[in-house]
Amino acid sequence: MIWYVGIAIILVLLLWLTIHQRRLKRRAWLMQEAMRNRDFTFRLSTHGLLPGERAMQEALNQLGSTIRQQVSQNEVESWERLTRVLTHEIMNATAPITSITQSMLGRDDVKGTPLEEGIRAIHTTSSHLNTFVDSYRRFSQLQKITPVETRLSDVVADIRQLYPSLEWEVDIPGTLTVVTDQTMLRQVLINLVKNAIEARARRIGIEGKAGNDTVELNVSNDGSPIPIEARTSVFIPFFTTKSGGSGIGLSLSRRMMTLQGGSLELLERPCSSYHTTFMLRF
């Protein structure tokens, strides 16, 4: 009888071990697929794992966040270097054009002739381009960050006062705080709200929650969804889907978050009842 019980226990253990190994293989496959698709938001449950396996899964979950933050930082630095070169070359190319056309517009043999209109158009275009590039260069030269402990609900309350015509749905614990540069955080939130308004949004939803080592702030709106083909490009400097947009706000906002060791992402699946959700991670 004892032998039968022992054999039954061994068989049950073998069955459990087989099923458990299959589940571990499934986990490995899911994480590989997430990495292959550049989805670094993956987080798998640790339920049903042995202590060592649980610790490994928690480390892998955290690794996804670390990789995503590093990728965002590298992208920001790469675009920043490229933009610095491009703005320098554009300024070098347009400055002589502006100067020469300005000089020609003052000549008597140009005034009142058919040439004047064409030269004035060239001068106006080059002047506007110079102004735009120079304003971007000055705007992107961020001051040194001054991180302080900040209550998120207080910052959001300040932003709400700036846009009283919007319908706000805020769910942030009153005790939830982060260490951040308050000026930069306000600017990031204002940029997101402005984008929402330009997308004809009427409702803004903000949800804050604390994780193990991070704090996440989801900023959602019910405006026109970002086109699928544009979702991977929204953080590229000068890229915009709006006819009158500059393409500066989101790229600068991500840079502000990256400078503080955080991140700014566009979620693939927006929060319920909204069309677009951006996530700030501290």
Protein backbone atom coordinates (compact mmCIF):
# COMPACT_ATOMS: atom_id res chain seq x y z
CA MET A 1 0.00 0.00 0.00
CA ILE A 2 2.83 2.39 0.87
CA TRP A 3 4.41 1.68 -2.52
CA TYR A 4 1.20 2.64 -4.30
CA VAL A 5 1.01 5.91 -2.38
CA GLY A 6 4.65 6.68 -3.14
CA ILE A 7 4.21 5.93 -6.84
CA ALA A 8 1.05 8.08 -6.95
CA ILE A 9 2.90 10.98 -5.33
CA ILE A 10 5.78 10.64 -7.79
CA LEU A 11 3.37 10.56 -10.73
CA VAL A 12 1.55 13.66 -9.47
CA LEU A 13 4.87 15.46 -9.03
CA LEU A 14 6.00 14.46 -12.52
CA LEU A 15 2.70 15.66 -13.98
CA TRP A 16 2.95 18.96 -12.11
CA LEU A 17 6.57 19.38 -13.18
CA THR A 18 5.68 18.74 -16.84
CA ILE A 19 2.84 21.27 -16.77
CA HIS A 20 5.01 23.76 -14.90
CA GLN A 21 7.82 23.47 -17.44
CA ARG A 22 5.38 24.03 -20.27
CA ARG A 23 4.15 27.18 -18.56
CA LEU A 24 7.73 28.40 -18.15
CA LYS A 25 8.40 27.78 -21.85
CA ARG A 26 5.24 29.73 -22.65
CA ARG A 27 6.49 32.62 -20.53
CA ALA A 28 9.84 32.58 -22.32
CA TRP A 29 8.11 32.64 -25.70
CA LEU A 30 5.87 35.54 -24.70
CA MET A 31 8.86 37.59 -23.53
CA GLN A 32 10.80 36.81 -26.70
CA GLU A 33 7.84 37.95 -28.81
CA ALA A 34 7.52 41.13 -26.77
CA MET A 35 11.21 41.92 -27.25
CA ARG A 36 11.04 41.12 -30.97
CA ASN A 37 8.11 43.52 -31.36
CA ARG A 38 9.86 46.20 -29.28
CA ASP A 39 7.10 46.01 -26.68
CA PHE A 40 9.04 46.71 -23.52
CA THR A 41 5.90 47.21 -21.44
CA PHE A 42 5.53 43.48 -20.83
CA ARG A 43 4.95 42.37 -17.27
CA LEU A 44 4.07 38.74 -16.52
CA SER A 45 2.43 37.59 -13.30
CA THR A 46 4.55 35.82 -10.69
CA HIS A 47 1.58 33.79 -9.45
CA GLY A 48 2.26 30.06 -9.20
CA LEU A 49 6.04 30.37 -9.44
CA LEU A 50 8.63 28.97 -7.05
CA PRO A 51 10.61 31.54 -5.02
CA GLY A 52 13.62 31.48 -7.35
CA GLU A 53 11.43 31.64 -10.45
CA ARG A 54 9.42 34.46 -8.93
CA ALA A 55 12.57 36.50 -8.31
CA MET A 56 13.70 35.86 -11.89
CA GLN A 57 10.34 36.94 -13.32
CA GLU A 58 10.32 40.12 -11.23
CA ALA A 59 13.83 40.90 -12.52
CA LEU A 60 12.71 40.34 -16.12
CA ASN A 61 9.66 42.55 -15.61
CA GLN A 62 11.90 45.31 -14.33
CA LEU A 63 14.33 44.70 -17.19
CA GLY A 64 11.60 45.55 -19.68
CA SER A 65 11.14 48.98 -18.09
CA THR A 66 14.89 49.55 -18.00
CA ILE A 67 15.30 48.63 -21.68
CA ARG A 68 12.40 50.88 -22.68
CA GLN A 69 13.89 53.81 -20.77
CA GLN A 70 17.32 53.23 -22.32
CA VAL A 71 15.87 52.97 -25.83
CA SER A 72 13.94 56.21 -25.33
CA GLN A 73 17.03 57.97 -24.03
CA ASN A 74 19.13 56.77 -26.98
CA GLU A 75 16.46 57.91 -29.42
CA VAL A 76 16.27 61.34 -27.79
CA GLU A 77 20.05 61.75 -27.86
CA SER A 78 20.27 60.61 -31.49
CA TRP A 79 17.56 62.98 -32.68
CA GLU A 80 19.05 65.78 -30.61
CA ARG A 81 22.46 65.37 -32.28
CA LEU A 82 20.89 65.17 -35.75
CA THR A 83 18.67 68.18 -35.11
CA ARG A 84 21.63 70.20 -33.86
CA VAL A 85 23.50 69.52 -37.11
CA LEU A 86 20.46 70.22 -39.28
CA THR A 87 19.59 73.52 -37.59
CA HIS A 88 23.20 74.64 -37.88
CA GLU A 89 23.31 73.83 -41.60
CA ILE A 90 19.92 75.44 -42.24
CA MET A 91 20.99 78.65 -40.50
CA ASN A 92 24.24 78.74 -42.49
CA ALA A 93 22.33 78.26 -45.76
CA THR A 94 19.47 80.70 -45.18
CA ALA A 95 21.33 83.58 -43.52
CA PRO A 96 23.12 84.67 -46.75
CA ILE A 97 19.84 84.33 -48.71
CA THR A 98 18.04 86.62 -46.28
CA SER A 99 20.88 89.14 -46.33
CA ILE A 100 21.25 89.20 -50.12
CA THR A 101 17.52 89.46 -50.86
CA GLN A 102 17.16 92.23 -48.28
CA SER A 103 19.93 94.15 -50.03
CA MET A 104 18.39 93.62 -53.46
CA LEU A 105 14.96 94.83 -52.29
CA GLY A 106 16.56 98.17 -51.47
CA ARG A 107 17.97 98.70 -54.97
CA ASP A 108 16.30 101.21 -57.26
CA ASP A 109 16.59 98.94 -60.29
CA VAL A 110 14.52 96.27 -58.46
CA LYS A 111 11.80 98.39 -56.89
CA GLY A 112 8.62 98.41 -58.92
CA THR A 113 9.84 95.73 -61.32
CA PRO A 114 8.52 92.19 -61.79
CA LEU A 115 11.60 90.96 -59.91
CA GLU A 116 10.56 92.63 -56.67
CA GLU A 117 7.69 90.26 -55.94
CA GLY A 118 9.79 87.14 -56.45
CA ILE A 119 12.73 88.45 -54.40
CA ARG A 120 10.38 89.51 -51.61
CA ALA A 121 8.85 86.01 -51.53
CA ILE A 122 12.33 84.48 -51.25
CA HIS A 123 13.27 86.95 -48.51
CA THR A 124 10.08 86.31 -46.54
CA THR A 125 10.42 82.52 -46.76
CA SER A 126 14.06 82.50 -45.68
CA SER A 127 13.32 84.92 -42.83
CA HIS A 128 10.48 82.72 -41.53
CA LEU A 129 12.71 79.64 -41.74
CA ASN A 130 15.47 81.45 -39.86
CA THR A 131 13.05 82.53 -37.17
CA PHE A 132 11.61 79.04 -36.78
CA VAL A 133 14.99 77.30 -36.55
CA ASP A 134 16.35 79.90 -34.14
CA SER A 135 13.28 79.68 -31.90
CA TYR A 136 13.54 75.87 -31.83
CA ARG A 137 17.23 76.05 -30.97
CA ARG A 138 16.60 78.44 -28.09
CA PHE A 139 13.51 76.54 -26.96
CA SER A 140 15.34 73.21 -26.90
CA GLN A 141 18.22 74.53 -24.78
CA LEU A 142 16.72 73.41 -21.50
CA GLN A 143 17.87 74.81 -18.21
CA LYS A 144 19.50 72.66 -15.56
CA ILE A 145 16.93 70.46 -13.86
CA THR A 146 15.96 71.13 -10.25
CA PRO A 147 14.24 67.99 -8.93
CA VAL A 148 12.13 68.36 -5.80
CA GLU A 149 9.50 66.18 -4.16
CA THR A 150 6.23 67.06 -5.86
CA ARG A 151 2.64 66.10 -5.16
CA LEU A 152 1.16 65.10 -8.52
CA SER A 153 -2.40 66.05 -7.59
CA ASP A 154 -1.27 69.65 -6.91
CA VAL A 155 0.43 69.97 -10.31
CA VAL A 156 -2.58 68.58 -12.14
CA ALA A 157 -4.87 70.94 -10.22
CA ASP A 158 -2.80 73.88 -11.49
CA ILE A 159 -3.06 72.65 -15.09
CA ARG A 160 -6.84 72.21 -14.77
CA GLN A 161 -7.22 75.89 -13.91
CA LEU A 162 -5.58 76.82 -17.21
CA TYR A 163 -8.18 74.89 -19.22
CA PRO A 164 -11.56 75.26 -17.46
CA SER A 165 -13.54 74.54 -20.64
CA LEU A 166 -12.35 70.91 -20.71
CA GLU A 167 -14.03 68.10 -18.80
CA TRP A 168 -11.48 66.58 -16.43
CA GLU A 169 -11.48 63.10 -14.89
CA VAL A 170 -8.63 62.86 -12.40
CA ASP A 171 -7.78 59.83 -10.30
CA ILE A 172 -4.57 60.50 -8.38
CA PRO A 173 -4.03 59.53 -4.73
CA GLY A 174 -3.52 62.67 -2.69
CA THR A 175 -0.34 61.27 -1.16
CA LEU A 176 1.27 60.26 -4.47
CA THR A 177 4.52 62.17 -4.91
CA VAL A 178 7.48 62.08 -7.30
CA VAL A 179 10.90 63.70 -7.38
CA THR A 180 10.84 65.86 -10.50
CA ASP A 181 11.53 69.30 -11.91
CA GLN A 182 8.16 71.00 -11.40
CA THR A 183 8.61 73.50 -14.25
CA MET A 184 9.41 70.74 -16.73
CA LEU A 185 6.57 68.53 -15.53
CA ARG A 186 4.08 71.37 -15.95
CA GLN A 187 5.41 72.03 -19.45
CA VAL A 188 5.07 68.36 -20.41
CA LEU A 189 1.47 68.24 -19.18
CA ILE A 190 0.61 71.52 -20.92
CA ASN A 191 2.07 70.19 -24.19
CA LEU A 192 -0.07 67.04 -23.92
CA VAL A 193 -3.22 69.03 -23.17
CA LYS A 194 -2.53 71.45 -26.05
CA ASN A 195 -2.12 68.52 -28.43
CA ALA A 196 -5.40 67.09 -27.18
CA ILE A 197 -7.20 70.39 -27.76
CA GLU A 198 -5.77 70.60 -31.29
CA ALA A 199 -7.18 67.10 -31.83
CA ARG A 200 -10.61 68.47 -30.79
CA ALA A 201 -10.65 66.74 -27.42
CA ARG A 202 -13.31 67.65 -24.87
CA ARG A 203 -12.34 65.29 -22.05
CA ILE A 204 -8.98 64.79 -20.35
CA GLY A 205 -8.38 61.82 -18.09
CA ILE A 206 -5.40 61.64 -15.74
CA GLU A 207 -4.66 58.58 -13.63
CA GLY A 208 -1.70 58.18 -11.29
CA LYS A 209 -0.50 54.97 -9.69
CA ALA A 210 2.58 53.76 -7.84
CA GLY A 211 4.46 50.55 -8.66
CA ASN A 212 7.33 48.85 -6.88
CA ASP A 213 10.03 51.35 -7.88
CA THR A 214 8.17 53.67 -10.26
CA VAL A 215 5.22 56.02 -10.50
CA GLU A 216 3.11 56.12 -13.65
CA LEU A 217 0.88 58.96 -14.79
CA ASN A 218 -1.52 58.24 -17.67
CA VAL A 219 -2.77 61.28 -19.58
CA SER A 220 -5.69 60.46 -21.90
CA ASN A 221 -7.99 62.41 -24.20
CA ASP A 222 -11.02 61.75 -26.40
CA GLY A 223 -9.77 63.73 -29.39
CA SER A 224 -9.13 62.38 -32.86
CA PRO A 225 -6.94 59.26 -32.59
CA ILE A 226 -3.36 59.42 -33.83
CA PRO A 227 -3.18 57.62 -37.19
CA ILE A 228 -1.62 54.17 -36.98
CA GLU A 229 1.05 55.04 -39.54
CA ALA A 230 2.11 58.07 -37.46
CA ARG A 231 2.28 56.45 -34.03
CA THR A 232 5.95 55.46 -34.33
CA SER A 233 6.96 58.97 -35.44
CA VAL A 234 5.20 61.29 -32.99
CA PHE A 235 8.36 61.85 -30.93
CA ILE A 236 10.56 62.69 -33.92
CA PRO A 237 11.51 66.41 -33.94
CA PHE A 238 9.55 68.46 -36.53
CA PHE A 239 7.20 65.55 -37.31
CA THR A 240 3.55 66.56 -37.11
CA THR A 241 0.18 65.40 -38.41
CA LYS A 242 -1.32 68.89 -38.05
CA SER A 243 -1.20 71.44 -40.87
CA GLY A 244 -0.13 74.24 -38.53
CA GLY A 245 1.95 72.16 -36.13
CA SER A 246 5.68 72.58 -35.52
CA GLY A 247 6.46 69.01 -34.41
CA ILE A 248 8.39 70.25 -31.39
CA GLY A 249 6.10 69.67 -28.38
CA LEU A 250 6.21 65.88 -28.01
CA SER A 251 9.90 65.49 -28.83
CA LEU A 252 10.78 68.20 -26.32
CA SER A 253 8.44 66.67 -23.71
CA ARG A 254 10.15 63.29 -24.03
CA ARG A 255 13.51 64.96 -23.68
CA MET A 256 12.36 66.70 -20.49
CA MET A 257 11.29 63.38 -19.00
CA THR A 258 14.47 61.60 -20.12
CA LEU A 259 16.67 64.27 -18.52
CA GLN A 260 15.04 63.41 -15.20
CA GLY A 261 15.55 59.67 -15.58
CA GLY A 262 11.93 59.11 -16.55
CA SER A 263 10.14 58.38 -19.82
CA LEU A 264 7.21 59.44 -21.97
CA GLU A 265 5.44 56.86 -24.12
CA LEU A 266 2.38 56.63 -26.34
CA LEU A 267 0.42 53.58 -25.22
CA GLU A 268 -0.73 51.18 -27.92
CA ARG A 269 -4.01 50.65 -26.09
CA PRO A 270 -5.50 53.86 -24.65
CA CYS A 271 -7.35 53.88 -21.36
CA SER A 272 -11.01 52.92 -21.45
CA SER A 273 -13.38 55.48 -23.06
CA TYR A 274 -10.47 57.50 -24.49
CA HIS A 275 -8.81 57.56 -27.91
CA THR A 276 -5.21 58.45 -26.96
CA THR A 277 -3.14 57.84 -23.83
CA PHE A 278 0.37 59.01 -23.05
CA MET A 279 2.20 57.53 -20.06
CA LEU A 280 4.72 59.43 -17.97
CA ARG A 281 6.93 57.19 -15.88
CA PHE A 282 9.00 58.56 -12.98
